[in-house]
Amino acid sequence: MAEPLPLDVAETLNALLTGSDPVSSALRAQLPYARVVGRCACGCATVDLAVNRAAVPPAPAHGNPAADAWYAEPKDAGVMVFTKDGYLSLLEIYSTSSEPITAWPESRFVER
C-alpha cells in the first residue's frame, strides 16, 4: 500500500533536486504526486517511489542516478535518486561502513 512521502524523504529529495536544470525542475514537480511504495529489506532508510503519472509529465531524458550526493554527517553516507521512464522510482541511502543507515540524516551535502 502506498503512503504519502514522509517529511524527511520529501526534504531529502528537495535538497537533492535544487538545480534549475530541466531534469531537476521536472522531478521536483513530481514530489506532490509521489508516494512510498516499498522499503529496503535490509532495514536502511531507502524507499521505493511511485508517481501518479496521470498528474504530472515525466522528466526529460537523463542518466541514472538523476542526482547523488555525500552527506556532511555521517561522513561515510551518500544518497542517490533514481528514475524509471522519467519518473521518481528510488531514493537510496548507502554507507561505506557495515551498519545500515536507518533514518534520513539532515540534508547537508558536501563535495568529494
PDB file of N, CA and C in Angstrom:
ATOM      1  N   MET A   1       0.840  -1.180   0.000  1.00  0.00           N
ATOM      2  CA  MET A   1       0.000   0.000   0.000  1.00  0.00           C
ATOM      3  C   MET A   1       0.891   1.252   0.000  1.00  0.00           C
ATOM      4  N   ALA A   2       0.553   2.195  -0.814  1.00  0.00           N
ATOM      5  CA  ALA A   2       1.341   3.420  -0.938  1.00  0.00           C
ATOM      6  C   ALA A   2       1.058   4.357   0.231  1.00  0.00           C
ATOM      7  N   GLU A   3       2.104   5.047   0.653  1.00  0.00           N
ATOM      8  CA  GLU A   3       1.963   6.039   1.719  1.00  0.00           C
ATOM      9  C   GLU A   3       2.501   7.372   1.211  1.00  0.00           C
ATOM     10  N   PRO A   4       1.961   8.480   1.720  1.00  0.00           N
ATOM     11  CA  PRO A   4       2.493   9.789   1.313  1.00  0.00           C
ATOM     12  C   PRO A   4       3.978   9.880   1.642  1.00  0.00           C
ATOM     13  N   LEU A   5       4.661  10.801   0.975  1.00  0.00           N
ATOM     14  CA  LEU A   5       6.085  10.983   1.263  1.00  0.00           C
ATOM     15  C   LEU A   5       6.270  11.463   2.696  1.00  0.00           C
ATOM     16  N   PRO A   6       7.032  10.732   3.503  1.00  0.00           N
ATOM     17  CA  PRO A   6       7.356  11.248   4.833  1.00  0.00           C
ATOM     18  C   PRO A   6       8.147  12.547   4.692  1.00  0.00           C
ATOM     19  N   LEU A   7       8.054  13.413   5.685  1.00  0.00           N
ATOM     20  CA  LEU A   7       8.708  14.711   5.631  1.00  0.00           C
ATOM     21  C   LEU A   7      10.205  14.587   5.375  1.00  0.00           C
ATOM     22  N   ASP A   8      10.883  13.640   6.037  1.00  0.00           N
ATOM     23  CA  ASP A   8      12.334  13.507   5.848  1.00  0.00           C
ATOM     24  C   ASP A   8      12.689  13.068   4.433  1.00  0.00           C
ATOM     25  N   VAL A   9      11.870  12.242   3.811  1.00  0.00           N
ATOM     26  CA  VAL A   9      12.086  11.823   2.424  1.00  0.00           C
ATOM     27  C   VAL A   9      11.867  13.011   1.488  1.00  0.00           C
ATOM     28  N   ALA A  10      10.789  13.748   1.697  1.00  0.00           N
ATOM     29  CA  ALA A  10      10.499  14.928   0.868  1.00  0.00           C
ATOM     30  C   ALA A  10      11.613  15.964   0.993  1.00  0.00           C
ATOM     31  N   GLU A  11      12.088  16.202   2.213  1.00  0.00           N
ATOM     32  CA  GLU A  11      13.171  17.164   2.417  1.00  0.00           C
ATOM     33  C   GLU A  11      14.452  16.715   1.721  1.00  0.00           C
ATOM     34  N   THR A  12      14.756  15.434   1.787  1.00  0.00           N
ATOM     35  CA  THR A  12      15.954  14.907   1.122  1.00  0.00           C
ATOM     36  C   THR A  12      15.843  15.088  -0.387  1.00  0.00           C
ATOM     37  N   LEU A  13      14.699  14.738  -0.956  1.00  0.00           N
ATOM     38  CA  LEU A  13      14.502  14.893  -2.395  1.00  0.00           C
ATOM     39  C   LEU A  13      14.588  16.361  -2.802  1.00  0.00           C
ATOM     40  N   ASN A  14      13.952  17.234  -2.051  1.00  0.00           N
ATOM     41  CA  ASN A  14      14.019  18.672  -2.355  1.00  0.00           C
ATOM     42  C   ASN A  14      15.457  19.169  -2.335  1.00  0.00           C
ATOM     43  N   ALA A  15      16.225  18.745  -1.355  1.00  0.00           N
ATOM     44  CA  ALA A  15      17.622  19.187  -1.238  1.00  0.00           C
ATOM     45  C   ALA A  15      18.474  18.668  -2.387  1.00  0.00           C
ATOM     46  N   LEU A  16      18.212  17.451  -2.835  1.00  0.00           N
ATOM     47  CA  LEU A  16      18.992  16.874  -3.929  1.00  0.00           C
ATOM     48  C   LEU A  16      18.621  17.454  -5.286  1.00  0.00           C
ATOM     49  N   LEU A  17      17.402  17.895  -5.423  1.00  0.00           N
ATOM     50  CA  LEU A  17      16.890  18.347  -6.725  1.00  0.00           C
ATOM     51  C   LEU A  17      16.774  19.869  -6.782  1.00  0.00           C
ATOM     52  N   THR A  18      17.749  20.573  -6.234  1.00  0.00           N
ATOM     53  CA  THR A  18      17.686  22.033  -6.156  1.00  0.00           C
ATOM     54  C   THR A  18      18.070  22.740  -7.448  1.00  0.00           C
ATOM     55  N   GLY A  19      18.648  22.036  -8.386  1.00  0.00           N
ATOM     56  CA  GLY A  19      19.118  22.678  -9.610  1.00  0.00           C
ATOM     57  C   GLY A  19      17.997  23.292 -10.420  1.00  0.00           C
ATOM     58  N   SER A  20      18.372  24.251 -11.276  1.00  0.00           N
ATOM     59  CA  SER A  20      17.389  24.893 -12.146  1.00  0.00           C
ATOM     60  C   SER A  20      17.319  24.217 -13.517  1.00  0.00           C
ATOM     61  N   ASP A  21      18.077  23.135 -13.680  1.00  0.00           N
ATOM     62  CA  ASP A  21      18.071  22.411 -14.951  1.00  0.00           C
ATOM     63  C   ASP A  21      16.702  21.748 -15.159  1.00  0.00           C
ATOM     64  N   PRO A  22      16.362  21.409 -16.412  1.00  0.00           N
ATOM     65  CA  PRO A  22      15.038  20.846 -16.704  1.00  0.00           C
ATOM     66  C   PRO A  22      14.743  19.535 -15.984  1.00  0.00           C
ATOM     67  N   VAL A  23      15.753  18.686 -15.778  1.00  0.00           N
ATOM     68  CA  VAL A  23      15.518  17.403 -15.109  1.00  0.00           C
ATOM     69  C   VAL A  23      15.173  17.625 -13.640  1.00  0.00           C
ATOM     70  N   SER A  24      15.980  18.409 -12.936  1.00  0.00           N
ATOM     71  CA  SER A  24      15.697  18.679 -11.518  1.00  0.00           C
ATOM     72  C   SER A  24      14.337  19.346 -11.356  1.00  0.00           C
ATOM     73  N   SER A  25      14.036  20.305 -12.201  1.00  0.00           N
ATOM     74  CA  SER A  25      12.744  21.000 -12.115  1.00  0.00           C
ATOM     75  C   SER A  25      11.582  20.038 -12.318  1.00  0.00           C
ATOM     76  N   ALA A  26      11.681  19.174 -13.313  1.00  0.00           N
ATOM     77  CA  ALA A  26      10.607  18.215 -13.591  1.00  0.00           C
ATOM     78  C   ALA A  26      10.454  17.207 -12.451  1.00  0.00           C
ATOM     79  N   LEU A  27      11.568  16.745 -11.889  1.00  0.00           N
ATOM     80  CA  LEU A  27      11.481  15.779 -10.783  1.00  0.00           C
ATOM     81  C   LEU A  27      10.919  16.441  -9.520  1.00  0.00           C
ATOM     82  N   ARG A  28      11.282  17.684  -9.259  1.00  0.00           N
ATOM     83  CA  ARG A  28      10.695  18.405  -8.116  1.00  0.00           C
ATOM     84  C   ARG A  28       9.184  18.549  -8.294  1.00  0.00           C
ATOM     85  N   ALA A  29       8.739  18.781  -9.516  1.00  0.00           N
ATOM     86  CA  ALA A  29       7.303  18.924  -9.782  1.00  0.00           C
ATOM     87  C   ALA A  29       6.546  17.622  -9.501  1.00  0.00           C
ATOM     88  N   GLN A  30       7.247  16.500  -9.496  1.00  0.00           N
ATOM     89  CA  GLN A  30       6.616  15.207  -9.233  1.00  0.00           C
ATOM     90  C   GLN A  30       6.406  14.942  -7.737  1.00  0.00           C
ATOM     91  N   LEU A  31       7.086  15.682  -6.879  1.00  0.00           N
ATOM     92  CA  LEU A  31       7.038  15.387  -5.436  1.00  0.00           C
ATOM     93  C   LEU A  31       5.623  15.356  -4.856  1.00  0.00           C
ATOM     94  N   PRO A  32       4.739  16.293  -5.210  1.00  0.00           N
ATOM     95  CA  PRO A  32       3.384  16.225  -4.630  1.00  0.00           C
ATOM     96  C   PRO A  32       2.606  14.978  -5.061  1.00  0.00           C
ATOM     97  N   TYR A  33       3.043  14.337  -6.129  1.00  0.00           N
ATOM     98  CA  TYR A  33       2.339  13.177  -6.675  1.00  0.00           C
ATOM     99  C   TYR A  33       3.074  11.864  -6.407  1.00  0.00           C
ATOM    100  N   ALA A  34       4.161  11.938  -5.644  1.00  0.00           N
ATOM    101  CA  ALA A  34       4.974  10.758  -5.339  1.00  0.00           C
ATOM    102  C   ALA A  34       4.518  10.115  -4.031  1.00  0.00           C
ATOM    103  N   ARG A  35       4.645   8.813  -3.981  1.00  0.00           N
ATOM    104  CA  ARG A  35       4.294   8.037  -2.795  1.00  0.00           C
ATOM    105  C   ARG A  35       5.373   6.996  -2.543  1.00  0.00           C
ATOM    106  N   VAL A  36       5.522   6.598  -1.289  1.00  0.00           N
ATOM    107  CA  VAL A  36       6.396   5.494  -0.927  1.00  0.00           C
ATOM    108  C   VAL A  36       5.613   4.207  -1.153  1.00  0.00           C
ATOM    109  N   VAL A  37       6.187   3.302  -1.947  1.00  0.00           N
ATOM    110  CA  VAL A  37       5.509   2.039  -2.246  1.00  0.00           C
ATOM    111  C   VAL A  37       6.291   0.824  -1.748  1.00  0.00           C
ATOM    112  N   GLY A  38       7.460   1.052  -1.170  1.00  0.00           N
ATOM    113  CA  GLY A  38       8.240  -0.054  -0.633  1.00  0.00           C
ATOM    114  C   GLY A  38       9.428   0.472   0.143  1.00  0.00           C
ATOM    115  N   ARG A  39      10.008  -0.422   0.920  1.00  0.00           N
ATOM    116  CA  ARG A  39      11.182  -0.082   1.729  1.00  0.00           C
ATOM    117  C   ARG A  39      12.210  -1.189   1.578  1.00  0.00           C
ATOM    118  N   CYS A  40      13.463  -0.837   1.795  1.00  0.00           N
ATOM    119  CA  CYS A  40      14.555  -1.790   1.661  1.00  0.00           C
ATOM    120  C   CYS A  40      14.431  -2.888   2.724  1.00  0.00           C
ATOM    121  N   ALA A  41      14.702  -4.120   2.322  1.00  0.00           N
ATOM    122  CA  ALA A  41      14.600  -5.257   3.229  1.00  0.00           C
ATOM    123  C   ALA A  41      15.718  -5.290   4.270  1.00  0.00           C
ATOM    124  N   CYS A  42      16.825  -4.571   4.036  1.00  0.00           N
ATOM    125  CA  CYS A  42      17.950  -4.618   4.980  1.00  0.00           C
ATOM    126  C   CYS A  42      17.698  -3.765   6.219  1.00  0.00           C
ATOM    127  N   GLY A  43      16.658  -2.937   6.206  1.00  0.00           N
ATOM    128  CA  GLY A  43      16.358  -2.095   7.350  1.00  0.00           C
ATOM    129  C   GLY A  43      16.866  -0.674   7.219  1.00  0.00           C
ATOM    130  N   CYS A  44      17.550  -0.356   6.104  1.00  0.00           N
ATOM    131  CA  CYS A  44      18.019   1.014   5.913  1.00  0.00           C
ATOM    132  C   CYS A  44      16.840   1.904   5.513  1.00  0.00           C
ATOM    133  N   ALA A  45      17.085   3.184   5.390  1.00  0.00           N
ATOM    134  CA  ALA A  45      16.025   4.162   5.110  1.00  0.00           C
ATOM    135  C   ALA A  45      15.616   4.227   3.636  1.00  0.00           C
ATOM    136  N   THR A  46      16.268   3.485   2.746  1.00  0.00           N
ATOM    137  CA  THR A  46      15.956   3.508   1.314  1.00  0.00           C
ATOM    138  C   THR A  46      14.471   3.233   1.066  1.00  0.00           C
ATOM    139  N   VAL A  47      13.885   4.010   0.128  1.00  0.00           N
ATOM    140  CA  VAL A  47      12.471   3.826  -0.199  1.00  0.00           C
ATOM    141  C   VAL A  47      12.273   3.713  -1.710  1.00  0.00           C
ATOM    142  N   ASP A  48      11.314   2.854  -2.083  1.00  0.00           N
ATOM    143  CA  ASP A  48      10.838   2.762  -3.456  1.00  0.00           C
ATOM    144  C   ASP A  48       9.729   3.783  -3.620  1.00  0.00           C
ATOM    145  N   LEU A  49       9.724   4.462  -4.761  1.00  0.00           N
ATOM    146  CA  LEU A  49       8.763   5.532  -5.006  1.00  0.00           C
ATOM    147  C   LEU A  49       7.927   5.233  -6.241  1.00  0.00           C
ATOM    148  N   ALA A  50       6.715   5.744  -6.253  1.00  0.00           N
ATOM    149  CA  ALA A  50       5.853   5.711  -7.435  1.00  0.00           C
ATOM    150  C   ALA A  50       5.215   7.088  -7.563  1.00  0.00           C
ATOM    151  N   VAL A  51       5.003   7.505  -8.792  1.00  0.00           N
ATOM    152  CA  VAL A  51       4.418   8.821  -9.079  1.00  0.00           C
ATOM    153  C   VAL A  51       3.125   8.607  -9.861  1.00  0.00           C
ATOM    154  N   ASN A  52       2.098   9.379  -9.545  1.00  0.00           N
ATOM    155  CA  ASN A  52       0.864   9.368 -10.308  1.00  0.00           C
ATOM    156  C   ASN A  52       1.166   9.967 -11.678  1.00  0.00           C
ATOM    157  N   ARG A  53       1.374   9.126 -12.649  1.00  0.00           N
ATOM    158  CA  ARG A  53       1.811   9.563 -13.978  1.00  0.00           C
ATOM    159  C   ARG A  53       0.744  10.346 -14.732  1.00  0.00           C
ATOM    160  N   ALA A  54      -0.498  10.214 -14.334  1.00  0.00           N
ATOM    161  CA  ALA A  54      -1.563  10.986 -14.977  1.00  0.00           C
ATOM    162  C   ALA A  54      -1.562  12.433 -14.511  1.00  0.00           C
ATOM    163  N   ALA A  55      -0.905  12.706 -13.382  1.00  0.00           N
ATOM    164  CA  ALA A  55      -0.961  14.034 -12.787  1.00  0.00           C
ATOM    165  C   ALA A  55       0.184  14.948 -13.183  1.00  0.00           C
ATOM    166  N   VAL A  56       1.286  14.382 -13.696  1.00  0.00           N
ATOM    167  CA  VAL A  56       2.483  15.180 -13.954  1.00  0.00           C
ATOM    168  C   VAL A  56       3.301  14.512 -15.070  1.00  0.00           C
ATOM    169  N   PRO A  57       3.948  15.315 -15.932  1.00  0.00           N
ATOM    170  CA  PRO A  57       4.727  14.728 -17.031  1.00  0.00           C
ATOM    171  C   PRO A  57       6.066  14.168 -16.533  1.00  0.00           C
ATOM    172  N   PRO A  58       6.688  13.304 -17.345  1.00  0.00           N
ATOM    173  CA  PRO A  58       7.998  12.768 -16.988  1.00  0.00           C
ATOM    174  C   PRO A  58       9.084  13.832 -17.157  1.00  0.00           C
ATOM    175  N   ALA A  59      10.194  13.589 -16.503  1.00  0.00           N
ATOM    176  CA  ALA A  59      11.375  14.442 -16.692  1.00  0.00           C
ATOM    177  C   ALA A  59      11.956  14.168 -18.067  1.00  0.00           C
ATOM    178  N   PRO A  60      12.685  15.135 -18.637  1.00  0.00           N
ATOM    179  CA  PRO A  60      13.372  14.894 -19.903  1.00  0.00           C
ATOM    180  C   PRO A  60      14.381  13.741 -19.754  1.00  0.00           C
ATOM    181  N   ALA A  61      14.800  13.200 -20.869  1.00  0.00           N
ATOM    182  CA  ALA A  61      15.762  12.090 -20.855  1.00  0.00           C
ATOM    183  C   ALA A  61      17.006  12.475 -20.056  1.00  0.00           C
ATOM    184  N   HIS A  62      17.491  11.530 -19.245  1.00  0.00           N
ATOM    185  CA  HIS A  62      18.661  11.755 -18.391  1.00  0.00           C
ATOM    186  C   HIS A  62      19.224  10.405 -17.957  1.00  0.00           C
ATOM    187  N   GLY A  63      20.397  10.435 -17.384  1.00  0.00           N
ATOM    188  CA  GLY A  63      21.010   9.223 -16.876  1.00  0.00           C
ATOM    189  C   GLY A  63      20.591   8.936 -15.447  1.00  0.00           C
ATOM    190  N   ASN A  64      21.012   7.771 -14.947  1.00  0.00           N
ATOM    191  CA  ASN A  64      20.766   7.397 -13.559  1.00  0.00           C
ATOM    192  C   ASN A  64      22.090   7.176 -12.863  1.00  0.00           C
ATOM    193  N   PRO A  65      22.280   7.604 -11.629  1.00  0.00           N
ATOM    194  CA  PRO A  65      21.266   8.291 -10.842  1.00  0.00           C
ATOM    195  C   PRO A  65      20.998   9.691 -11.394  1.00  0.00           C
ATOM    196  N   ALA A  66      19.781  10.153 -11.167  1.00  0.00           N
ATOM    197  CA  ALA A  66      19.409  11.505 -11.613  1.00  0.00           C
ATOM    198  C   ALA A  66      20.060  12.556 -10.733  1.00  0.00           C
ATOM    199  N   ALA A  67      20.357  12.194  -9.486  1.00  0.00           N
ATOM    200  CA  ALA A  67      21.049  13.087  -8.545  1.00  0.00           C
ATOM    201  C   ALA A  67      21.737  12.212  -7.512  1.00  0.00           C
ATOM    202  N   ASP A  68      22.869  12.691  -7.007  1.00  0.00           N
ATOM    203  CA  ASP A  68      23.558  11.973  -5.940  1.00  0.00           C
ATOM    204  C   ASP A  68      24.423  12.942  -5.156  1.00  0.00           C
ATOM    205  N   ALA A  69      24.705  12.581  -3.912  1.00  0.00           N
ATOM    206  CA  ALA A  69      25.500  13.453  -3.038  1.00  0.00           C
ATOM    207  C   ALA A  69      26.022  12.649  -1.857  1.00  0.00           C
ATOM    208  N   TRP A  70      27.042  13.221  -1.205  1.00  0.00           N
ATOM    209  CA  TRP A  70      27.559  12.706   0.062  1.00  0.00           C
ATOM    210  C   TRP A  70      27.055  13.595   1.171  1.00  0.00           C
ATOM    211  N   TYR A  71      26.691  12.993   2.293  1.00  0.00           N
ATOM    212  CA  TYR A  71      26.257  13.749   3.457  1.00  0.00           C
ATOM    213  C   TYR A  71      27.445  14.375   4.173  1.00  0.00           C
ATOM    214  N   ALA A  72      27.222  15.534   4.781  1.00  0.00           N
ATOM    215  CA  ALA A  72      28.237  16.135   5.653  1.00  0.00           C
ATOM    216  C   ALA A  72      28.384  15.276   6.905  1.00  0.00           C
ATOM    217  N   GLU A  73      27.278  14.782   7.435  1.00  0.00           N
ATOM    218  CA  GLU A  73      27.246  13.866   8.585  1.00  0.00           C
ATOM    219  C   GLU A  73      26.116  12.879   8.376  1.00  0.00           C
ATOM    220  N   PRO A  74      26.319  11.618   8.512  1.00  0.00           N
ATOM    221  CA  PRO A  74      27.596  10.958   8.752  1.00  0.00           C
ATOM    222  C   PRO A  74      28.472  11.017   7.507  1.00  0.00           C
ATOM    223  N   LYS A  75      29.762  11.123   7.723  1.00  0.00           N
ATOM    224  CA  LYS A  75      30.719  11.323   6.633  1.00  0.00           C
ATOM    225  C   LYS A  75      30.822  10.133   5.683  1.00  0.00           C
ATOM    226  N   ASP A  76      30.400   8.965   6.114  1.00  0.00           N
ATOM    227  CA  ASP A  76      30.521   7.773   5.276  1.00  0.00           C
ATOM    228  C   ASP A  76      29.223   7.442   4.538  1.00  0.00           C
ATOM    229  N   ALA A  77      28.289   8.404   4.460  1.00  0.00           N
ATOM    230  CA  ALA A  77      26.979   8.135   3.865  1.00  0.00           C
ATOM    231  C   ALA A  77      26.737   8.965   2.617  1.00  0.00           C
ATOM    232  N   GLY A  78      26.051   8.349   1.672  1.00  0.00           N
ATOM    233  CA  GLY A  78      25.664   9.028   0.448  1.00  0.00           C
ATOM    234  C   GLY A  78      24.213   8.721   0.118  1.00  0.00           C
ATOM    235  N   VAL A  79      23.692   9.437  -0.861  1.00  0.00           N
ATOM    236  CA  VAL A  79      22.309   9.268  -1.262  1.00  0.00           C
ATOM    237  C   VAL A  79      22.210   9.435  -2.775  1.00  0.00           C
ATOM    238  N   MET A  80      21.300   8.668  -3.380  1.00  0.00           N
ATOM    239  CA  MET A  80      21.086   8.727  -4.831  1.00  0.00           C
ATOM    240  C   MET A  80      19.591   8.700  -5.129  1.00  0.00           C
ATOM    241  N   VAL A  81      19.208   9.432  -6.181  1.00  0.00           N
ATOM    242  CA  VAL A  81      17.839   9.435  -6.673  1.00  0.00           C
ATOM    243  C   VAL A  81      17.838   8.736  -8.035  1.00  0.00           C
ATOM    244  N   PHE A  82      17.005   7.728  -8.166  1.00  0.00           N
ATOM    245  CA  PHE A  82      16.871   7.013  -9.430  1.00  0.00           C
ATOM    246  C   PHE A  82      15.480   7.245 -10.001  1.00  0.00           C
ATOM    247  N   THR A  83      15.402   7.151 -11.321  1.00  0.00           N
ATOM    248  CA  THR A  83      14.127   7.302 -12.010  1.00  0.00           C
ATOM    249  C   THR A  83      13.919   6.127 -12.951  1.00  0.00           C
ATOM    250  N   LYS A  84      12.680   5.968 -13.356  1.00  0.00           N
ATOM    251  CA  LYS A  84      12.330   4.994 -14.394  1.00  0.00           C
ATOM    252  C   LYS A  84      11.356   5.687 -15.332  1.00  0.00           C
ATOM    253  N   ASP A  85      11.696   5.712 -16.597  1.00  0.00           N
ATOM    254  CA  ASP A  85      10.863   6.358 -17.621  1.00  0.00           C
ATOM    255  C   ASP A  85      10.579   7.822 -17.298  1.00  0.00           C
ATOM    256  N   GLY A  86      11.534   8.503 -16.624  1.00  0.00           N
ATOM    257  CA  GLY A  86      11.392   9.914 -16.320  1.00  0.00           C
ATOM    258  C   GLY A  86      10.648  10.211 -15.032  1.00  0.00           C
ATOM    259  N   TYR A  87      10.315   9.182 -14.256  1.00  0.00           N
ATOM    260  CA  TYR A  87       9.587   9.362 -13.004  1.00  0.00           C
ATOM    261  C   TYR A  87      10.420   8.863 -11.832  1.00  0.00           C
ATOM    262  N   LEU A  88      10.301   9.553 -10.690  1.00  0.00           N
ATOM    263  CA  LEU A  88      10.995   9.134  -9.480  1.00  0.00           C
ATOM    264  C   LEU A  88      10.669   7.676  -9.172  1.00  0.00           C
ATOM    265  N   SER A  89      11.703   6.873  -8.861  1.00  0.00           N
ATOM    266  CA  SER A  89      11.448   5.460  -8.568  1.00  0.00           C
ATOM    267  C   SER A  89      12.167   4.954  -7.316  1.00  0.00           C
ATOM    268  N   LEU A  90      13.271   5.609  -6.906  1.00  0.00           N
ATOM    269  CA  LEU A  90      14.030   5.095  -5.765  1.00  0.00           C
ATOM    270  C   LEU A  90      14.845   6.217  -5.139  1.00  0.00           C
ATOM    271  N   LEU A  91      14.798   6.303  -3.833  1.00  0.00           N
ATOM    272  CA  LEU A  91      15.681   7.174  -3.070  1.00  0.00           C
ATOM    273  C   LEU A  91      16.510   6.246  -2.206  1.00  0.00           C
ATOM    274  N   GLU A  92      17.783   6.135  -2.546  1.00  0.00           N
ATOM    275  CA  GLU A  92      18.661   5.159  -1.903  1.00  0.00           C
ATOM    276  C   GLU A  92      19.708   5.841  -1.037  1.00  0.00           C
ATOM    277  N   ILE A  93      19.833   5.367   0.182  1.00  0.00           N
ATOM    278  CA  ILE A  93      20.898   5.818   1.077  1.00  0.00           C
ATOM    279  C   ILE A  93      21.881   4.666   1.222  1.00  0.00           C
ATOM    280  N   TYR A  94      23.159   5.002   1.285  1.00  0.00           N
ATOM    281  CA  TYR A  94      24.177   3.956   1.421  1.00  0.00           C
ATOM    282  C   TYR A  94      25.296   4.460   2.308  1.00  0.00           C
ATOM    283  N   SER A  95      26.080   3.509   2.784  1.00  0.00           N
ATOM    284  CA  SER A  95      27.167   3.833   3.691  1.00  0.00           C
ATOM    285  C   SER A  95      28.375   2.978   3.350  1.00  0.00           C
ATOM    286  N   THR A  96      29.549   3.543   3.558  1.00  0.00           N
ATOM    287  CA  THR A  96      30.768   2.767   3.353  1.00  0.00           C
ATOM    288  C   THR A  96      31.105   1.944   4.591  1.00  0.00           C
ATOM    289  N   SER A  97      30.349   2.117   5.679  1.00  0.00           N
ATOM    290  CA  SER A  97      30.534   1.280   6.861  1.00  0.00           C
ATOM    291  C   SER A  97      29.606   0.074   6.742  1.00  0.00           C
ATOM    292  N   SER A  98      29.705  -0.833   7.662  1.00  0.00           N
ATOM    293  CA  SER A  98      28.890  -2.051   7.590  1.00  0.00           C
ATOM    294  C   SER A  98      27.502  -1.878   8.195  1.00  0.00           C
ATOM    295  N   GLU A  99      27.261  -0.765   8.861  1.00  0.00           N
ATOM    296  CA  GLU A  99      25.966  -0.538   9.501  1.00  0.00           C
ATOM    297  C   GLU A  99      25.013   0.194   8.551  1.00  0.00           C
ATOM    298  N   PRO A 100      23.786  -0.327   8.388  1.00  0.00           N
ATOM    299  CA  PRO A 100      22.820   0.402   7.559  1.00  0.00           C
ATOM    300  C   PRO A 100      22.372   1.691   8.251  1.00  0.00           C
ATOM    301  N   ILE A 101      22.055   2.691   7.452  1.00  0.00           N
ATOM    302  CA  ILE A 101      21.562   3.959   7.977  1.00  0.00           C
ATOM    303  C   ILE A 101      20.038   3.867   7.984  1.00  0.00           C
ATOM    304  N   THR A 102      19.466   3.890   9.173  1.00  0.00           N
ATOM    305  CA  THR A 102      18.046   3.598   9.324  1.00  0.00           C
ATOM    306  C   THR A 102      17.148   4.837   9.355  1.00  0.00           C
ATOM    307  N   ALA A 103      17.737   6.023   9.369  1.00  0.00           N
ATOM    308  CA  ALA A 103      16.952   7.265   9.354  1.00  0.00           C
ATOM    309  C   ALA A 103      17.645   8.249   8.423  1.00  0.00           C
ATOM    310  N   TRP A 104      16.856   9.120   7.793  1.00  0.00           N
ATOM    311  CA  TRP A 104      17.423  10.103   6.874  1.00  0.00           C
ATOM    312  C   TRP A 104      18.152  11.184   7.661  1.00  0.00           C
ATOM    313  N   PRO A 105      19.456  11.374   7.395  1.00  0.00           N
ATOM    314  CA  PRO A 105      20.204  12.444   8.067  1.00  0.00           C
ATOM    315  C   PRO A 105      19.734  13.815   7.583  1.00  0.00           C
ATOM    316  N   GLU A 106      20.156  14.845   8.305  1.00  0.00           N
ATOM    317  CA  GLU A 106      19.885  16.211   7.867  1.00  0.00           C
ATOM    318  C   GLU A 106      20.460  16.383   6.472  1.00  0.00           C
ATOM    319  N   SER A 107      19.730  17.044   5.592  1.00  0.00           N
ATOM    320  CA  SER A 107      20.111  17.164   4.181  1.00  0.00           C
ATOM    321  C   SER A 107      21.170  18.242   3.968  1.00  0.00           C
ATOM    322  N   ARG A 108      22.357  18.033   4.530  1.00  0.00           N
ATOM    323  CA  ARG A 108      23.504  18.886   4.273  1.00  0.00           C
ATOM    324  C   ARG A 108      24.516  18.021   3.523  1.00  0.00           C
ATOM    325  N   PHE A 109      24.888  18.471   2.339  1.00  0.00           N
ATOM    326  CA  PHE A 109      25.748  17.675   1.480  1.00  0.00           C
ATOM    327  C   PHE A 109      27.085  18.349   1.265  1.00  0.00           C
ATOM    328  N   VAL A 110      28.094  17.545   0.945  1.00  0.00           N
ATOM    329  CA  VAL A 110      29.443  18.037   0.684  1.00  0.00           C
ATOM    330  C   VAL A 110      29.919  17.479  -0.642  1.00  0.00           C
ATOM    331  N   GLU A 111      30.889  18.164  -1.236  1.00  0.00           N
ATOM    332  CA  GLU A 111      31.513  17.665  -2.457  1.00  0.00           C
ATOM    333  C   GLU A 111      32.698  16.801  -2.066  1.00  0.00           C
ATOM    334  N   ARG A 112      32.887  15.713  -2.781  1.00  0.00           N
ATOM    335  CA  ARG A 112      34.037  14.819  -2.528  1.00  0.00           C
ATOM    336  C   ARG A 112      34.747  14.567  -3.829  1.00  0.00           C
TER     337      ARG A 112
END
